[in-house]
Amino acid sequence: MSFWRTGALLSATAILMGGCSGADFTAPGVMAEAQATNPGSGYAADLYKDYMTNANYEFDEMEDAPDAVFFADKAMAGARGGNLMPQEIGERDLPSEYVGELTQARGRLVSALDAGGASEKPDAAATALASFDCWMEQQEENFQPGDIAACKDHFYASLAALEERPVAAVVPPLPERITLASDVLFDFDKANIKEAFKPELKKIADLIIGNPTTPVRVQGHTDSIGSEAYNQKLSVERATSVADYLTGEGVAQNQLTVEGFGETQPVASNKTAEGRAQNRRVDITTTVVQTPTQ
């Protein structure tokens, strides 16, 4: 470390003879300028805060003028919106046994920043940058294991947060068929969807949206009460109503095919009330429906 403060008994001549660096004399001014800097907000403020933590520690606690100036300058550059990068490995006189790990760590940080880490996670990005530079500085000195570990641990924790990517939600595949009972979907002899059933249709819409490459058929069916022509018309209207709702919720229109089969594809006997209720339906299917055996 470069100790820049001198005792009251040292004369100016003695200081010069001691070979003090320029940073020893400029550090107070640089620190004052840095401490007066307005960092604004967002990523710039995060960079300023983290680098000033390093600068104040080196200036006040460790009396290390060159490194205090280094961190203060980066704090001000960050506050001005500079595109800060971690210090180059070759800029420090590092013990050879630590160069490999630091090089790998720096590469991971640069990759995370290049992938948009600063805009996505500004706090983690700023802490990772300042902690890496702190680790480099402490590792160069290599005599304060506690400080080395603190900088290194903060770096890896921030890097882990920076590299973490949200796990994409797993959307289940569409089943081959979803059958919606018309008596639940619609009022008698109507094609307007009941309000109470719309939340269920919204779930189906989300499922279809999650499977955008799967063609979907919306197929209307009726029982055999009434004329064939009327039942055919009603089945198309009901299938169209369901398809319109799905597209209104974000399903791509070209993913859907609307079909009406009237009374031609029963799944139960039309001779009983229970059978007719099963036949009044809208099928949402990913397969071509074959005419069932009657």
Protein backbone atom coordinates (compact mmCIF):
# COMPACT_ATOMS: atom_id res chain seq x y z
CA MET A 1 0.00 0.00 0.00
CA SER A 2 1.09 3.60 -0.57
CA PHE A 3 0.76 5.46 2.71
CA TRP A 4 0.32 9.13 1.84
CA ARG A 5 -0.32 10.69 5.25
CA THR A 6 2.76 11.84 7.10
CA GLY A 7 3.43 12.67 10.70
CA ALA A 8 3.61 16.23 11.90
CA LEU A 9 7.38 15.96 12.50
CA LEU A 10 8.19 15.25 8.82
CA SER A 11 9.36 18.24 6.84
CA ALA A 12 8.49 18.97 3.23
CA THR A 13 12.06 18.07 2.28
CA ALA A 14 11.77 14.72 3.99
CA ILE A 15 8.55 14.02 2.09
CA LEU A 16 10.19 14.75 -1.22
CA MET A 17 13.17 12.64 -0.32
CA GLY A 18 10.80 9.80 0.55
CA GLY A 19 9.70 9.62 -3.07
CA CYS A 20 5.96 10.25 -2.64
CA SER A 21 3.93 9.75 -5.81
CA GLY A 22 1.86 12.43 -7.48
CA ALA A 23 -1.25 10.72 -6.18
CA ASP A 24 -0.13 11.44 -2.62
CA PHE A 25 -0.56 15.13 -3.27
CA THR A 26 -3.57 15.04 -5.60
CA ALA A 27 -5.64 12.52 -3.64
CA PRO A 28 -7.34 15.03 -1.28
CA GLY A 29 -8.48 17.14 -4.22
CA VAL A 30 -9.66 14.18 -6.25
CA MET A 31 -11.56 12.79 -3.27
CA ALA A 32 -13.19 16.15 -2.60
CA GLU A 33 -14.27 16.39 -6.24
CA ALA A 34 -15.60 12.84 -6.21
CA GLN A 35 -17.50 13.31 -2.98
CA ALA A 36 -19.17 16.42 -4.41
CA THR A 37 -20.25 14.62 -7.59
CA ASN A 38 -23.96 14.22 -8.23
CA PRO A 39 -24.38 10.67 -9.55
CA GLY A 40 -27.95 11.02 -10.73
CA SER A 41 -29.93 7.78 -10.62
CA GLY A 42 -30.03 4.25 -11.94
CA TYR A 43 -26.91 2.42 -13.06
CA ALA A 44 -24.77 5.57 -12.86
CA ALA A 45 -25.74 6.04 -9.22
CA ASP A 46 -25.05 2.37 -8.45
CA LEU A 47 -21.57 2.59 -9.99
CA TYR A 48 -20.80 5.79 -8.13
CA LYS A 49 -21.92 4.36 -4.79
CA ASP A 50 -19.93 1.14 -5.07
CA TYR A 51 -16.73 2.73 -6.37
CA MET A 52 -16.89 5.51 -3.77
CA THR A 53 -17.15 2.84 -1.06
CA ASN A 54 -13.82 1.51 -2.30
CA ALA A 55 -12.33 4.99 -2.66
CA ASN A 56 -13.33 6.11 0.83
CA TYR A 57 -11.98 2.91 2.36
CA GLU A 58 -8.60 3.30 0.68
CA PHE A 59 -8.42 7.02 1.48
CA ASP A 60 -9.70 7.05 5.07
CA GLU A 61 -8.83 3.61 6.42
CA MET A 62 -5.84 2.41 4.45
CA GLU A 63 -4.23 5.76 3.55
CA ASP A 64 -3.57 4.40 0.06
CA ALA A 65 -3.57 7.48 -2.15
CA PRO A 66 -3.04 5.89 -5.61
CA ASP A 67 -5.84 3.37 -5.18
CA ALA A 68 -8.14 5.94 -3.60
CA VAL A 69 -7.64 8.10 -6.70
CA PHE A 70 -8.17 5.08 -8.99
CA PHE A 71 -11.52 4.22 -7.41
CA ALA A 72 -12.63 7.86 -7.14
CA ASP A 73 -11.91 8.44 -10.83
CA LYS A 74 -13.99 5.38 -11.76
CA ALA A 75 -16.79 6.57 -9.46
CA MET A 76 -16.89 9.92 -11.25
CA ALA A 77 -16.72 8.25 -14.66
CA GLY A 78 -19.63 6.03 -13.69
CA ALA A 79 -21.62 9.00 -12.42
CA ARG A 80 -21.12 10.70 -15.80
CA GLY A 81 -22.57 7.68 -17.56
CA GLY A 82 -19.30 6.19 -18.69
CA ASN A 83 -19.25 2.65 -20.03
CA LEU A 84 -17.08 1.19 -17.28
CA MET A 85 -15.32 -2.12 -17.71
CA PRO A 86 -13.38 -4.20 -15.18
CA GLN A 87 -9.72 -3.36 -14.87
CA GLU A 88 -7.43 -5.15 -17.30
CA ILE A 89 -5.46 -8.02 -15.78
CA GLY A 90 -2.16 -6.60 -17.02
CA GLU A 91 -2.69 -3.29 -15.23
CA ARG A 92 -1.87 -4.86 -11.86
CA ASP A 93 1.29 -6.63 -10.70
CA LEU A 94 -0.54 -9.76 -9.62
CA PRO A 95 0.96 -12.86 -8.03
CA SER A 96 1.15 -15.40 -10.84
CA GLU A 97 -0.87 -18.04 -8.99
CA TYR A 98 -3.97 -15.80 -9.03
CA VAL A 99 -3.82 -14.59 -12.62
CA GLY A 100 -5.77 -17.56 -14.03
CA GLU A 101 -8.76 -17.22 -11.72
CA LEU A 102 -8.90 -13.46 -12.10
CA THR A 103 -8.69 -13.74 -15.88
CA GLN A 104 -11.55 -16.23 -15.96
CA ALA A 105 -13.60 -14.11 -13.55
CA ARG A 106 -13.07 -11.00 -15.65
CA GLY A 107 -14.12 -12.86 -18.79
CA ARG A 108 -17.38 -13.96 -17.18
CA LEU A 109 -18.10 -10.41 -16.02
CA VAL A 110 -17.43 -8.91 -19.45
CA SER A 111 -19.72 -11.53 -21.05
CA ALA A 112 -22.48 -10.73 -18.58
CA LEU A 113 -22.15 -7.01 -19.25
CA ASP A 114 -22.11 -7.56 -23.02
CA ALA A 115 -25.33 -9.58 -22.66
CA GLY A 116 -27.11 -6.51 -21.27
CA GLY A 117 -26.50 -7.12 -17.58
CA ALA A 118 -26.10 -3.44 -16.76
CA SER A 119 -29.53 -2.54 -18.11
CA GLU A 120 -31.28 -5.63 -16.76
CA LYS A 121 -29.68 -5.72 -13.31
CA PRO A 122 -27.88 -2.41 -12.73
CA ASP A 123 -27.27 -2.91 -9.01
CA ALA A 124 -25.68 -6.35 -9.45
CA ALA A 125 -23.63 -5.14 -12.43
CA ALA A 126 -22.25 -2.15 -10.53
CA THR A 127 -21.38 -4.22 -7.47
CA ALA A 128 -19.70 -6.88 -9.60
CA LEU A 129 -17.56 -4.26 -11.36
CA ALA A 130 -16.47 -2.46 -8.21
CA SER A 131 -15.90 -5.72 -6.35
CA PHE A 132 -13.77 -7.14 -9.16
CA ASP A 133 -11.57 -4.03 -9.22
CA CYS A 134 -11.36 -4.21 -5.41
CA TRP A 135 -10.30 -7.86 -5.63
CA MET A 136 -7.64 -6.97 -8.20
CA GLU A 137 -6.26 -4.20 -5.99
CA GLN A 138 -6.23 -6.32 -2.85
CA GLN A 139 -4.75 -9.32 -4.65
CA GLU A 140 -1.92 -7.19 -5.99
CA GLU A 141 -1.01 -6.16 -2.44
CA ASN A 142 -1.61 -9.74 -1.27
CA PHE A 143 -1.18 -9.28 2.44
CA GLN A 144 -4.73 -8.74 3.77
CA PRO A 145 -6.54 -12.05 3.37
CA GLY A 146 -9.71 -10.70 4.99
CA ASP A 147 -10.00 -7.84 2.52
CA ILE A 148 -9.15 -10.12 -0.42
CA ALA A 149 -11.86 -12.57 0.61
CA ALA A 150 -14.44 -9.82 1.14
CA CYS A 151 -13.92 -8.33 -2.33
CA LYS A 152 -13.81 -11.74 -3.97
CA ASP A 153 -16.93 -13.00 -2.22
CA HIS A 154 -18.89 -9.83 -3.07
CA PHE A 155 -17.79 -10.19 -6.67
CA TYR A 156 -18.90 -13.80 -7.07
CA ALA A 157 -22.22 -13.17 -5.31
CA SER A 158 -22.97 -10.21 -7.58
CA LEU A 159 -21.79 -12.09 -10.67
CA ALA A 160 -24.11 -14.98 -9.84
CA ALA A 161 -27.04 -12.56 -9.63
CA LEU A 162 -25.96 -10.92 -12.87
CA GLU A 163 -25.65 -14.21 -14.76
CA GLU A 164 -28.90 -15.66 -13.44
CA ARG A 165 -31.60 -15.86 -16.05
CA PRO A 166 -35.29 -16.35 -15.31
CA VAL A 167 -36.46 -19.87 -15.93
CA ALA A 168 -38.91 -19.88 -18.79
CA ALA A 169 -42.34 -21.04 -17.77
CA VAL A 170 -43.02 -24.55 -19.01
CA VAL A 171 -46.20 -24.48 -21.05
CA PRO A 172 -47.86 -27.88 -21.23
CA PRO A 173 -48.63 -29.23 -24.69
CA LEU A 174 -52.12 -28.92 -26.01
CA PRO A 175 -54.23 -32.03 -25.45
CA GLU A 176 -55.66 -33.65 -28.55
CA ARG A 177 -59.13 -32.50 -27.58
CA ILE A 178 -60.79 -30.13 -25.13
CA THR A 179 -64.56 -30.57 -25.04
CA LEU A 180 -66.73 -27.66 -23.90
CA ALA A 181 -70.35 -28.41 -23.09
CA SER A 182 -72.60 -26.02 -24.99
CA ASP A 183 -75.10 -25.95 -22.12
CA VAL A 184 -72.36 -24.42 -19.97
CA LEU A 185 -70.95 -22.15 -22.69
CA PHE A 186 -74.18 -20.77 -24.12
CA ASP A 187 -77.75 -20.02 -23.25
CA PHE A 188 -80.39 -22.13 -24.96
CA ASP A 189 -80.43 -21.65 -28.73
CA LYS A 190 -77.80 -18.86 -28.48
CA ALA A 191 -74.20 -18.41 -29.60
CA ASN A 192 -73.11 -15.72 -27.14
CA ILE A 193 -70.58 -17.00 -24.58
CA LYS A 194 -71.74 -16.78 -20.99
CA GLU A 195 -69.68 -14.37 -18.87
CA ALA A 196 -69.21 -17.01 -16.17
CA PHE A 197 -67.30 -19.28 -18.58
CA LYS A 198 -64.93 -16.67 -20.02
CA PRO A 199 -62.20 -17.22 -17.36
CA GLU A 200 -62.02 -20.88 -18.42
CA LEU A 201 -61.74 -19.89 -22.07
CA LYS A 202 -58.97 -17.46 -21.12
CA LYS A 203 -56.98 -20.37 -19.68
CA ILE A 204 -57.46 -22.27 -22.93
CA ALA A 205 -56.33 -19.22 -24.89
CA ASP A 206 -53.14 -19.01 -22.83
CA LEU A 207 -52.51 -22.71 -23.46
CA ILE A 208 -52.88 -22.23 -27.21
CA ILE A 209 -50.65 -19.14 -27.16
CA GLY A 210 -48.00 -21.24 -25.44
CA ASN A 211 -48.10 -23.70 -28.34
CA PRO A 212 -47.96 -21.30 -31.30
CA THR A 213 -46.94 -23.88 -33.91
CA THR A 214 -49.80 -26.27 -33.19
CA PRO A 215 -52.78 -25.92 -35.57
CA VAL A 216 -56.06 -25.84 -33.66
CA ARG A 217 -59.57 -26.64 -34.87
CA VAL A 218 -62.62 -25.14 -33.16
CA GLN A 219 -65.56 -27.41 -33.98
CA GLY A 220 -69.21 -26.86 -33.17
CA HIS A 221 -71.72 -29.69 -32.70
CA THR A 222 -75.42 -29.93 -31.86
CA ASP A 223 -77.98 -32.53 -31.01
CA SER A 224 -80.61 -33.67 -33.52
CA ILE A 225 -83.48 -31.53 -32.24
CA GLY A 226 -84.49 -29.12 -35.00
CA SER A 227 -83.75 -29.17 -38.69
CA GLU A 228 -80.36 -30.19 -40.03
CA ALA A 229 -79.91 -26.79 -41.68
CA TYR A 230 -80.66 -24.93 -38.46
CA ASN A 231 -78.34 -27.14 -36.44
CA GLN A 232 -75.57 -26.70 -38.97
CA LYS A 233 -75.90 -22.91 -38.80
CA LEU A 234 -75.95 -22.91 -34.97
CA SER A 235 -72.86 -25.15 -34.75
CA VAL A 236 -70.89 -22.76 -36.99
CA GLU A 237 -72.03 -19.72 -35.02
CA ARG A 238 -71.02 -21.27 -31.71
CA ALA A 239 -67.62 -22.40 -32.99
CA THR A 240 -67.06 -18.92 -34.45
CA SER A 241 -68.00 -17.29 -31.15
CA VAL A 242 -65.41 -19.39 -29.29
CA ALA A 243 -62.73 -18.72 -31.93
CA ASP A 244 -63.43 -14.98 -31.80
CA TYR A 245 -63.00 -14.99 -28.04
CA LEU A 246 -59.72 -16.88 -28.31
CA THR A 247 -58.29 -14.46 -30.88
CA GLY A 248 -59.44 -11.58 -28.72
CA GLU A 249 -57.25 -13.00 -25.97
CA GLY A 250 -54.21 -13.10 -28.23
CA VAL A 251 -54.40 -16.38 -30.12
CA ALA A 252 -53.18 -15.95 -33.70
CA GLN A 253 -56.11 -16.07 -36.09
CA ASN A 254 -54.18 -18.14 -38.62
CA GLN A 255 -53.63 -20.82 -35.97
CA LEU A 256 -57.37 -21.54 -35.78
CA THR A 257 -59.70 -23.32 -38.14
CA VAL A 258 -63.44 -22.95 -37.46
CA GLU A 259 -65.74 -25.81 -38.37
CA GLY A 260 -69.40 -26.61 -37.79
CA PHE A 261 -70.73 -30.15 -37.99
CA GLY A 262 -74.30 -29.62 -36.86
CA GLU A 263 -75.82 -32.92 -35.76
CA THR A 264 -73.63 -35.13 -37.96
CA GLN A 265 -71.03 -36.20 -35.36
CA PRO A 266 -72.80 -37.26 -32.18
CA VAL A 267 -70.82 -38.80 -29.34
CA ALA A 268 -73.90 -40.21 -27.61
CA SER A 269 -77.48 -41.22 -28.44
CA ASN A 270 -79.84 -38.41 -29.36
CA LYS A 271 -82.72 -40.49 -27.99
CA THR A 272 -82.05 -39.44 -24.39
CA ALA A 273 -81.73 -36.03 -22.73
CA GLU A 274 -78.34 -36.99 -21.33
CA GLY A 275 -77.10 -38.09 -24.74
CA ARG A 276 -78.34 -34.93 -26.43
CA ALA A 277 -76.57 -32.81 -23.77
CA GLN A 278 -73.28 -34.58 -24.57
CA ASN A 279 -73.76 -33.93 -28.28
CA ARG A 280 -74.27 -30.16 -27.76
CA ARG A 281 -70.63 -29.17 -27.52
CA VAL A 282 -67.67 -27.26 -28.92
CA ASP A 283 -64.47 -29.26 -29.39
CA ILE A 284 -61.07 -27.60 -29.45
CA THR A 285 -58.85 -30.17 -31.06
CA THR A 286 -55.40 -30.58 -32.56
CA THR A 287 -56.42 -33.60 -34.63
CA VAL A 288 -58.85 -34.12 -37.46
CA VAL A 289 -61.97 -35.59 -35.94
CA GLN A 290 -63.21 -38.76 -37.57
CA THR A 291 -66.91 -39.39 -37.82
CA PRO A 292 -67.73 -41.67 -34.86
CA THR A 293 -69.60 -44.92 -35.22
CA GLN A 294 -73.25 -44.40 -34.44
